[in-house]
PDB file of all heavy atoms in Angstrom:
ATOM      1  N   THR A   1     171.251 -47.667  12.352  1.00  0.00           N
ATOM      2  CA  THR A   1     170.012 -46.899  11.999  1.00  0.00           C
ATOM      3  C   THR A   1     169.638 -47.054  10.622  1.00  0.00           C
ATOM      4  O   THR A   1     170.437 -46.995   9.743  1.00  0.00           O
ATOM      5  CB  THR A   1     170.150 -45.431  12.439  1.00  0.00           C
ATOM      6  OG1 THR A   1     171.156 -44.831  11.701  1.00  0.00           O
ATOM      7  CG2 THR A   1     170.377 -45.317  13.935  1.00  0.00           C
ATOM      8  N   LEU A   2     168.331 -47.223  10.332  1.00  0.00           N
ATOM      9  CA  LEU A   2     167.808 -47.291   9.013  1.00  0.00           C
ATOM     10  C   LEU A   2     167.021 -46.028   8.653  1.00  0.00           C
ATOM     11  O   LEU A   2     166.395 -45.972   7.588  1.00  0.00           O
ATOM     12  CB  LEU A   2     166.876 -48.454   8.872  1.00  0.00           C
ATOM     13  CG  LEU A   2     167.432 -49.824   9.262  1.00  0.00           C
ATOM     14  CD1 LEU A   2     166.358 -50.979   9.105  1.00  0.00           C
ATOM     15  CD2 LEU A   2     168.666 -50.110   8.418  1.00  0.00           C
ATOM     16  N   GLY A   3     167.051 -45.019   9.521  1.00  0.00           N
ATOM     17  CA  GLY A   3     166.430 -43.719   9.313  1.00  0.00           C
ATOM     18  C   GLY A   3     166.811 -42.886  10.417  1.00  0.00           C
ATOM     19  O   GLY A   3     167.523 -43.289  11.411  1.00  0.00           O
ATOM     20  N   PRO A   4     166.307 -41.605  10.458  1.00  0.00           N
ATOM     21  CA  PRO A   4     166.568 -40.774  11.583  1.00  0.00           C
ATOM     22  C   PRO A   4     166.083 -41.384  12.955  1.00  0.00           C
ATOM     23  O   PRO A   4     165.025 -41.930  12.912  1.00  0.00           O
ATOM     24  CB  PRO A   4     165.829 -39.498  11.234  1.00  0.00           C
ATOM     25  CG  PRO A   4     165.622 -39.581   9.789  1.00  0.00           C
ATOM     26  CD  PRO A   4     165.511 -41.012   9.450  1.00  0.00           C
ATOM     27  N   ALA A   5     166.922 -41.260  13.927  1.00  0.00           N
ATOM     28  CA  ALA A   5     166.616 -41.795  15.202  1.00  0.00           C
ATOM     29  C   ALA A   5     167.014 -40.825  16.314  1.00  0.00           C
ATOM     30  O   ALA A   5     167.826 -41.232  17.240  1.00  0.00           O
ATOM     31  CB  ALA A   5     167.096 -43.216  15.431  1.00  0.00           C
ATOM     32  N   GLN A   6     166.667 -39.563  16.300  1.00  0.00           N
ATOM     33  CA  GLN A   6     167.143 -38.658  17.246  1.00  0.00           C
ATOM     34  C   GLN A   6     166.842 -38.959  18.651  1.00  0.00           C
ATOM     35  O   GLN A   6     167.486 -38.485  19.580  1.00  0.00           O
ATOM     36  CB  GLN A   6     166.572 -37.215  16.887  1.00  0.00           C
ATOM     37  CG  GLN A   6     167.005 -36.612  15.587  1.00  0.00           C
ATOM     38  CD  GLN A   6     166.049 -36.939  14.420  1.00  0.00           C
ATOM     39  OE1 GLN A   6     165.533 -37.966  14.442  1.00  0.00           O
ATOM     40  NE2 GLN A   6     165.997 -35.997  13.500  1.00  0.00           N
ATOM     41  N   GLN A   7     165.780 -39.845  18.878  1.00  0.00           N
ATOM     42  CA  GLN A   7     165.467 -40.147  20.206  1.00  0.00           C
ATOM     43  C   GLN A   7     166.518 -40.995  20.951  1.00  0.00           C
ATOM     44  O   GLN A   7     166.482 -41.151  22.200  1.00  0.00           O
ATOM     45  CB  GLN A   7     164.121 -40.922  20.241  1.00  0.00           C
ATOM     46  CG  GLN A   7     164.135 -42.291  19.598  1.00  0.00           C
ATOM     47  CD  GLN A   7     163.805 -42.250  18.115  1.00  0.00           C
ATOM     48  OE1 GLN A   7     164.289 -41.343  17.382  1.00  0.00           O
ATOM     49  NE2 GLN A   7     163.027 -43.237  17.681  1.00  0.00           N
ATOM     50  N   LEU A   8     167.466 -41.434  20.237  1.00  0.00           N
ATOM     51  CA  LEU A   8     168.524 -42.277  20.678  1.00  0.00           C
ATOM     52  C   LEU A   8     169.757 -41.431  21.113  1.00  0.00           C
ATOM     53  O   LEU A   8     170.708 -41.951  21.736  1.00  0.00           O
ATOM     54  CB  LEU A   8     168.947 -43.293  19.792  1.00  0.00           C
ATOM     55  CG  LEU A   8     167.981 -44.275  19.236  1.00  0.00           C
ATOM     56  CD1 LEU A   8     168.502 -45.380  18.332  1.00  0.00           C
ATOM     57  CD2 LEU A   8     167.250 -44.990  20.402  1.00  0.00           C
ATOM     58  N   TYR A   9     169.763 -40.132  20.927  1.00  0.00           N
ATOM     59  CA  TYR A   9     170.827 -39.316  21.284  1.00  0.00           C
ATOM     60  C   TYR A   9     171.126 -39.202  22.642  1.00  0.00           C
ATOM     61  O   TYR A   9     170.218 -39.244  23.479  1.00  0.00           O
ATOM     62  CB  TYR A   9     170.497 -37.844  20.741  1.00  0.00           C
ATOM     63  CG  TYR A   9     171.598 -36.822  21.088  1.00  0.00           C
ATOM     64  CD1 TYR A   9     172.873 -36.798  20.528  1.00  0.00           C
ATOM     65  CD2 TYR A   9     171.267 -35.918  22.153  1.00  0.00           C
ATOM     66  CE1 TYR A   9     173.785 -35.932  20.870  1.00  0.00           C
ATOM     67  CE2 TYR A   9     172.321 -35.000  22.536  1.00  0.00           C
ATOM     68  CZ  TYR A   9     173.533 -35.025  21.930  1.00  0.00           C
ATOM     69  OH  TYR A   9     174.479 -34.080  22.275  1.00  0.00           O
ATOM     70  N   GLY A  10     172.384 -39.339  22.944  1.00  0.00           N
ATOM     71  CA  GLY A  10     172.819 -39.228  24.355  1.00  0.00           C
ATOM     72  C   GLY A  10     172.759 -40.538  25.157  1.00  0.00           C
ATOM     73  O   GLY A  10     173.051 -40.557  26.323  1.00  0.00           O
ATOM     74  N   GLN A  11     172.335 -41.614  24.502  1.00  0.00           N
ATOM     75  CA  GLN A  11     172.130 -42.836  25.274  1.00  0.00           C
ATOM     76  C   GLN A  11     173.146 -44.018  24.755  1.00  0.00           C
ATOM     77  O   GLN A  11     173.440 -44.877  25.571  1.00  0.00           O
ATOM     78  CB  GLN A  11     170.726 -43.394  25.089  1.00  0.00           C
ATOM     79  CG  GLN A  11     169.716 -42.461  25.524  1.00  0.00           C
ATOM     80  CD  GLN A  11     168.310 -43.061  25.347  1.00  0.00           C
ATOM     81  OE1 GLN A  11     167.810 -44.060  25.878  1.00  0.00           O
ATOM     82  NE2 GLN A  11     167.501 -42.372  24.421  1.00  0.00           N
ATOM     83  N   TYR A  12     173.561 -43.939  23.542  1.00  0.00           N
ATOM     84  CA  TYR A  12     174.332 -44.926  22.922  1.00  0.00           C
ATOM     85  C   TYR A  12     175.613 -44.464  22.340  1.00  0.00           C
ATOM     86  O   TYR A  12     175.691 -43.306  21.913  1.00  0.00           O
ATOM     87  CB  TYR A  12     173.488 -45.738  21.954  1.00  0.00           C
ATOM     88  CG  TYR A  12     172.272 -46.344  22.465  1.00  0.00           C
ATOM     89  CD1 TYR A  12     171.083 -45.586  22.498  1.00  0.00           C
ATOM     90  CD2 TYR A  12     172.259 -47.566  23.141  1.00  0.00           C
ATOM     91  CE1 TYR A  12     169.899 -46.099  22.975  1.00  0.00           C
ATOM     92  CE2 TYR A  12     171.103 -48.061  23.716  1.00  0.00           C
ATOM     93  CZ  TYR A  12     169.904 -47.302  23.648  1.00  0.00           C
ATOM     94  OH  TYR A  12     168.795 -47.753  24.291  1.00  0.00           O
ATOM     95  N   THR A  13     176.663 -45.330  22.259  1.00  0.00           N
ATOM     96  CA  THR A  13     177.900 -44.934  21.727  1.00  0.00           C
ATOM     97  C   THR A  13     177.829 -45.263  20.122  1.00  0.00           C
ATOM     98  O   THR A  13     177.727 -46.394  19.686  1.00  0.00           O
ATOM     99  CB  THR A  13     179.085 -45.856  22.284  1.00  0.00           C
ATOM    100  OG1 THR A  13     179.122 -45.617  23.643  1.00  0.00           O
ATOM    101  CG2 THR A  13     180.338 -45.486  21.572  1.00  0.00           C
ATOM    102  N   ALA A  14     177.902 -44.113  19.305  1.00  0.00           N
ATOM    103  CA  ALA A  14     178.065 -44.281  18.032  1.00  0.00           C
ATOM    104  C   ALA A  14     179.431 -44.457  17.637  1.00  0.00           C
ATOM    105  O   ALA A  14     180.312 -43.600  17.922  1.00  0.00           O
ATOM    106  CB  ALA A  14     177.481 -42.994  17.272  1.00  0.00           C
ATOM    107  N   PHE A  15     179.805 -45.680  16.984  1.00  0.00           N
ATOM    108  CA  PHE A  15     181.189 -45.960  16.736  1.00  0.00           C
ATOM    109  C   PHE A  15     181.558 -46.194  15.339  1.00  0.00           C
ATOM    110  O   PHE A  15     182.604 -46.558  14.966  1.00  0.00           O
ATOM    111  CB  PHE A  15     181.627 -47.192  17.705  1.00  0.00           C
ATOM    112  CG  PHE A  15     181.070 -48.477  17.242  1.00  0.00           C
ATOM    113  CD1 PHE A  15     181.718 -49.286  16.377  1.00  0.00           C
ATOM    114  CD2 PHE A  15     179.795 -48.867  17.774  1.00  0.00           C
ATOM    115  CE1 PHE A  15     181.105 -50.599  15.990  1.00  0.00           C
ATOM    116  CE2 PHE A  15     179.154 -50.076  17.414  1.00  0.00           C
ATOM    117  CZ  PHE A  15     179.838 -50.963  16.487  1.00  0.00           C
ATOM    118  N   GLY A  16     180.561 -45.959  14.395  1.00  0.00           N
ATOM    119  CA  GLY A  16     180.841 -46.200  13.047  1.00  0.00           C
ATOM    120  C   GLY A  16     179.793 -45.554  12.173  1.00  0.00           C
ATOM    121  O   GLY A  16     178.660 -45.145  12.647  1.00  0.00           O
ATOM    122  N   GLU A  17     180.126 -45.476  10.881  1.00  0.00           N
ATOM    123  CA  GLU A  17     179.141 -44.904   9.843  1.00  0.00           C
ATOM    124  C   GLU A  17     179.338 -45.813   8.645  1.00  0.00           C
ATOM    125  O   GLU A  17     180.404 -46.241   8.199  1.00  0.00           O
ATOM    126  CB  GLU A  17     179.577 -43.508   9.490  1.00  0.00           C
ATOM    127  CG  GLU A  17     179.582 -42.524  10.589  1.00  0.00           C
ATOM    128  CD  GLU A  17     180.304 -41.167  10.227  1.00  0.00           C
ATOM    129  OE1 GLU A  17     180.872 -41.083   9.126  1.00  0.00           O
ATOM    130  OE2 GLU A  17     180.081 -40.225  11.038  1.00  0.00           O
ATOM    131  N   VAL A  18     178.045 -46.096   8.054  1.00  0.00           N
ATOM    132  CA  VAL A  18     178.010 -46.977   6.850  1.00  0.00           C
ATOM    133  C   VAL A  18     178.441 -46.224   5.633  1.00  0.00           C
ATOM    134  O   VAL A  18     178.033 -45.112   5.353  1.00  0.00           O
ATOM    135  CB  VAL A  18     176.572 -47.453   6.652  1.00  0.00           C
ATOM    136  CG1 VAL A  18     176.473 -48.154   5.277  1.00  0.00           C
ATOM    137  CG2 VAL A  18     176.066 -48.286   7.742  1.00  0.00           C
ATOM    138  N   LEU A  19     179.465 -46.749   4.953  1.00  0.00           N
ATOM    139  CA  LEU A  19     179.999 -46.200   3.786  1.00  0.00           C
ATOM    140  C   LEU A  19     179.228 -46.739   2.495  1.00  0.00           C
ATOM    141  O   LEU A  19     179.002 -45.930   1.512  1.00  0.00           O
ATOM    142  CB  LEU A  19     181.543 -46.498   3.551  1.00  0.00           C
ATOM    143  CG  LEU A  19     182.442 -46.006   4.636  1.00  0.00           C
ATOM    144  CD1 LEU A  19     183.916 -46.437   4.379  1.00  0.00           C
ATOM    145  CD2 LEU A  19     182.417 -44.453   4.680  1.00  0.00           C
ATOM    146  N   SER A  20     178.879 -48.055   2.506  1.00  0.00           N
ATOM    147  CA  SER A  20     178.098 -48.539   1.455  1.00  0.00           C
ATOM    148  C   SER A  20     177.287 -49.742   1.981  1.00  0.00           C
ATOM    149  O   SER A  20     177.722 -50.285   2.927  1.00  0.00           O
ATOM    150  CB  SER A  20     178.962 -48.943   0.277  1.00  0.00           C
ATOM    151  OG  SER A  20     179.842 -49.996   0.685  1.00  0.00           O
ATOM    152  N   GLY A  21     176.112 -49.995   1.368  1.00  0.00           N
ATOM    153  CA  GLY A  21     175.334 -51.171   1.806  1.00  0.00           C
ATOM    154  C   GLY A  21     174.091 -50.830   2.428  1.00  0.00           C
ATOM    155  O   GLY A  21     173.434 -51.795   2.999  1.00  0.00           O
ATOM    156  N   MET A  22     173.598 -49.645   2.382  1.00  0.00           N
ATOM    157  CA  MET A  22     172.352 -49.321   2.958  1.00  0.00           C
ATOM    158  C   MET A  22     171.221 -50.005   2.296  1.00  0.00           C
ATOM    159  O   MET A  22     170.192 -50.319   2.878  1.00  0.00           O
ATOM    160  CB  MET A  22     172.129 -47.691   2.894  1.00  0.00           C
ATOM    161  CG  MET A  22     172.842 -46.943   3.927  1.00  0.00           C
ATOM    162  SD  MET A  22     172.616 -47.438   5.701  1.00  0.00           S
ATOM    163  CE  MET A  22     170.929 -47.446   5.959  1.00  0.00           C
ATOM    164  N   GLY A  23     171.432 -50.297   1.023  1.00  0.00           N
ATOM    165  CA  GLY A  23     170.368 -51.061   0.271  1.00  0.00           C
ATOM    166  C   GLY A  23     170.284 -52.446   0.825  1.00  0.00           C
ATOM    167  O   GLY A  23     169.137 -53.010   0.924  1.00  0.00           O
ATOM    168  N   VAL A  24     171.382 -53.059   1.220  1.00  0.00           N
ATOM    169  CA  VAL A  24     171.465 -54.387   1.883  1.00  0.00           C
ATOM    170  C   VAL A  24     170.746 -54.389   3.085  1.00  0.00           C
ATOM    171  O   VAL A  24     169.832 -55.266   3.420  1.00  0.00           O
ATOM    172  CB  VAL A  24     172.877 -54.794   2.081  1.00  0.00           C
ATOM    173  CG1 VAL A  24     172.949 -56.135   2.854  1.00  0.00           C
ATOM    174  CG2 VAL A  24     173.567 -55.024   0.628  1.00  0.00           C
ATOM    175  N   LEU A  25     170.969 -53.326   3.961  1.00  0.00           N
ATOM    176  CA  LEU A  25     170.358 -53.206   5.156  1.00  0.00           C
ATOM    177  C   LEU A  25     168.731 -53.059   5.051  1.00  0.00           C
ATOM    178  O   LEU A  25     168.007 -53.626   5.805  1.00  0.00           O
ATOM    179  CB  LEU A  25     170.880 -52.108   6.089  1.00  0.00           C
ATOM    180  CG  LEU A  25     172.386 -52.254   6.446  1.00  0.00           C
ATOM    181  CD1 LEU A  25     173.000 -50.977   6.959  1.00  0.00           C
ATOM    182  CD2 LEU A  25     172.537 -53.336   7.479  1.00  0.00           C
ATOM    183  N   SER A  26     168.422 -52.237   4.138  1.00  0.00           N
ATOM    184  CA  SER A  26     167.041 -51.980   3.905  1.00  0.00           C
ATOM    185  C   SER A  26     166.282 -53.221   3.401  1.00  0.00           C
ATOM    186  O   SER A  26     165.023 -53.370   3.577  1.00  0.00           O
ATOM    187  CB  SER A  26     166.800 -50.818   2.870  1.00  0.00           C
ATOM    188  OG  SER A  26     167.303 -49.606   3.414  1.00  0.00           O
ATOM    189  N   ALA A  27     167.007 -54.172   2.803  1.00  0.00           N
ATOM    190  CA  ALA A  27     166.361 -55.392   2.361  1.00  0.00           C
ATOM    191  C   ALA A  27     166.335 -56.494   3.375  1.00  0.00           C
ATOM    192  O   ALA A  27     165.815 -57.626   3.139  1.00  0.00           O
ATOM    193  CB  ALA A  27     167.222 -55.898   1.139  1.00  0.00           C
ATOM    194  N   LEU A  28     166.857 -56.208   4.633  1.00  0.00           N
ATOM    195  CA  LEU A  28     166.797 -57.294   5.703  1.00  0.00           C
ATOM    196  C   LEU A  28     165.285 -57.580   6.020  1.00  0.00           C
ATOM    197  O   LEU A  28     164.478 -56.724   5.991  1.00  0.00           O
ATOM    198  CB  LEU A  28     167.505 -56.761   6.894  1.00  0.00           C
ATOM    199  CG  LEU A  28     169.022 -56.566   6.805  1.00  0.00           C
ATOM    200  CD1 LEU A  28     169.648 -56.065   8.099  1.00  0.00           C
ATOM    201  CD2 LEU A  28     169.692 -57.920   6.461  1.00  0.00           C
ATOM    202  N   THR A  29     165.034 -58.796   6.361  1.00  0.00           N
ATOM    203  CA  THR A  29     163.690 -59.279   6.680  1.00  0.00           C
ATOM    204  C   THR A  29     163.282 -58.616   7.973  1.00  0.00           C
ATOM    205  O   THR A  29     163.990 -58.770   9.074  1.00  0.00           O
ATOM    206  CB  THR A  29     163.733 -60.781   6.920  1.00  0.00           C
ATOM    207  OG1 THR A  29     164.187 -61.439   5.779  1.00  0.00           O
ATOM    208  CG2 THR A  29     162.206 -61.316   7.235  1.00  0.00           C
ATOM    209  N   PRO A  30     162.132 -57.886   8.063  1.00  0.00           N
ATOM    210  CA  PRO A  30     161.631 -57.278   9.212  1.00  0.00           C
ATOM    211  C   PRO A  30     161.430 -58.415  10.299  1.00  0.00           C
ATOM    212  O   PRO A  30     160.866 -59.415   9.991  1.00  0.00           O
ATOM    213  CB  PRO A  30     160.346 -56.644   8.778  1.00  0.00           C
ATOM    214  CG  PRO A  30     160.444 -56.344   7.348  1.00  0.00           C
ATOM    215  CD  PRO A  30     161.315 -57.529   6.725  1.00  0.00           C
ATOM    216  N   ARG A  31     161.849 -58.086  11.498  1.00  0.00           N
ATOM    217  CA  ARG A  31     161.756 -59.154  12.585  1.00  0.00           C
ATOM    218  C   ARG A  31     161.640 -58.353  13.909  1.00  0.00           C
ATOM    219  O   ARG A  31     162.594 -57.661  14.245  1.00  0.00           O
ATOM    220  CB  ARG A  31     162.969 -60.007  12.414  1.00  0.00           C
ATOM    221  CG  ARG A  31     162.911 -61.334  13.281  1.00  0.00           C
ATOM    222  CD  ARG A  31     164.104 -62.205  12.950  1.00  0.00           C
ATOM    223  NE  ARG A  31     163.957 -63.494  13.508  1.00  0.00           N
ATOM    224  CZ  ARG A  31     164.269 -63.823  14.769  1.00  0.00           C
ATOM    225  NH1 ARG A  31     164.798 -62.867  15.589  1.00  0.00           N
ATOM    226  NH2 ARG A  31     164.143 -65.067  15.263  1.00  0.00           N
ATOM    227  N   ASN A  32     160.637 -58.605  14.595  1.00  0.00           N
ATOM    228  CA  ASN A  32     160.456 -57.986  15.906  1.00  0.00           C
ATOM    229  C   ASN A  32     159.877 -59.044  16.894  1.00  0.00           C
ATOM    230  O   ASN A  32     158.599 -59.006  17.159  1.00  0.00           O
ATOM    231  CB  ASN A  32     159.607 -56.736  15.866  1.00  0.00           C
ATOM    232  CG  ASN A  32     159.533 -55.956  17.048  1.00  0.00           C
ATOM    233  OD1 ASN A  32     160.389 -56.170  17.966  1.00  0.00           O
ATOM    234  ND2 ASN A  32     158.599 -55.069  17.217  1.00  0.00           N
ATOM    235  N   PRO A  33     160.740 -59.914  17.451  1.00  0.00           N
ATOM    236  CA  PRO A  33     160.217 -60.996  18.362  1.00  0.00           C
ATOM    237  C   PRO A  33     159.352 -60.354  19.446  1.00  0.00           C
ATOM    238  O   PRO A  33     159.811 -59.489  20.180  1.00  0.00           O
ATOM    239  CB  PRO A  33     161.478 -61.530  18.825  1.00  0.00           C
ATOM    240  CG  PRO A  33     162.481 -61.264  17.865  1.00  0.00           C
ATOM    241  CD  PRO A  33     162.157 -59.946  17.299  1.00  0.00           C
ATOM    242  N   GLN A  34     158.156 -61.058  19.652  1.00  0.00           N
ATOM    243  CA  GLN A  34     157.353 -60.543  20.750  1.00  0.00           C
ATOM    244  C   GLN A  34     156.694 -61.799  21.371  1.00  0.00           C
ATOM    245  O   GLN A  34     156.573 -62.864  20.696  1.00  0.00           O
ATOM    246  CB  GLN A  34     156.173 -59.640  20.284  1.00  0.00           C
ATOM    247  CG  GLN A  34     156.640 -58.336  19.643  1.00  0.00           C
ATOM    248  CD  GLN A  34     155.573 -57.455  19.205  1.00  0.00           C
ATOM    249  OE1 GLN A  34     154.608 -57.142  19.866  1.00  0.00           O
ATOM    250  NE2 GLN A  34     155.666 -57.109  17.835  1.00  0.00           N
ATOM    251  N   PRO A  35     156.330 -61.807  22.657  1.00  0.00           N
ATOM    252  CA  PRO A  35     155.682 -62.956  23.290  1.00  0.00           C
ATOM    253  C   PRO A  35     154.481 -63.432  22.522  1.00  0.00           C
ATOM    254  O   PRO A  35     153.594 -62.637  22.071  1.00  0.00           O
ATOM    255  CB  PRO A  35     155.249 -62.339  24.637  1.00  0.00           C
ATOM    256  CG  PRO A  35     156.108 -61.233  24.949  1.00  0.00           C
ATOM    257  CD  PRO A  35     156.442 -60.633  23.553  1.00  0.00           C
ATOM    258  N   GLY A  36     154.490 -64.698  22.249  1.00  0.00           N
ATOM    259  CA  GLY A  36     153.308 -65.407  21.563  1.00  0.00           C
ATOM    260  C   GLY A  36     153.330 -65.269  20.067  1.00  0.00           C
ATOM    261  O   GLY A  36     152.460 -65.833  19.405  1.00  0.00           O
ATOM    262  N   ILE A  37     154.472 -64.600  19.536  1.00  0.00           N
ATOM    263  CA  ILE A  37     154.519 -64.518  18.016  1.00  0.00           C
ATOM    264  C   ILE A  37     155.854 -65.211  17.630  1.00  0.00           C
ATOM    265  O   ILE A  37     156.943 -64.877  18.080  1.00  0.00           O
ATOM    266  CB  ILE A  37     154.454 -63.037  17.625  1.00  0.00           C
ATOM    267  CG1 ILE A  37     153.201 -62.352  18.017  1.00  0.00           C
ATOM    268  CG2 ILE A  37     154.692 -62.813  16.109  1.00  0.00           C
ATOM    269  CD1 ILE A  37     153.098 -60.912  17.788  1.00  0.00           C
ATOM    270  N   VAL A  38     155.770 -66.063  16.614  1.00  0.00           N
ATOM    271  CA  VAL A  38     156.926 -66.639  16.024  1.00  0.00           C
ATOM    272  C   VAL A  38     157.462 -65.800  14.860  1.00  0.00           C
ATOM    273  O   VAL A  38     156.740 -65.669  13.893  1.00  0.00           O
ATOM    274  CB  VAL A  38     156.659 -68.084  15.612  1.00  0.00           C
ATOM    275  CG1 VAL A  38     157.948 -68.707  14.938  1.00  0.00           C
ATOM    276  CG2 VAL A  38     156.141 -68.985  16.731  1.00  0.00           C
ATOM    277  N   PRO A  39     158.571 -65.144  15.035  1.00  0.00           N
ATOM    278  CA  PRO A  39     158.973 -64.219  13.937  1.00  0.00           C
ATOM    279  C   PRO A  39     159.665 -65.001  12.821  1.00  0.00           C
ATOM    280  O   PRO A  39     159.935 -66.241  12.994  1.00  0.00           O
ATOM    281  CB  PRO A  39     160.030 -63.457  14.678  1.00  0.00           C
ATOM    282  CG  PRO A  39     160.560 -64.324  15.676  1.00  0.00           C
ATOM    283  CD  PRO A  39     159.461 -65.188  16.234  1.00  0.00           C
ATOM    284  N   PRO A  40     159.768 -64.409  11.600  1.00  0.00           N
ATOM    285  CA  PRO A  40     160.445 -65.117  10.522  1.00  0.00           C
ATOM    286  C   PRO A  40     161.897 -65.300  10.877  1.00  0.00           C
ATOM    287  O   PRO A  40     162.466 -64.540  11.694  1.00  0.00           O
ATOM    288  CB  PRO A  40     160.221 -64.088   9.322  1.00  0.00           C
ATOM    289  CG  PRO A  40     159.986 -62.827  10.030  1.00  0.00           C
ATOM    290  CD  PRO A  40     159.228 -63.048  11.279  1.00  0.00           C
TER     291      PRO A  40
END
């Protein structure tokens, strides 16, 4: 998760917590593949 995501509660197994590197994750290239769109 890159922010609060309470809507996912009760659906997925949380098996870890980030200790360091949130800045790295926030710098990842936004990418949301969709039909007809070539993502970066």
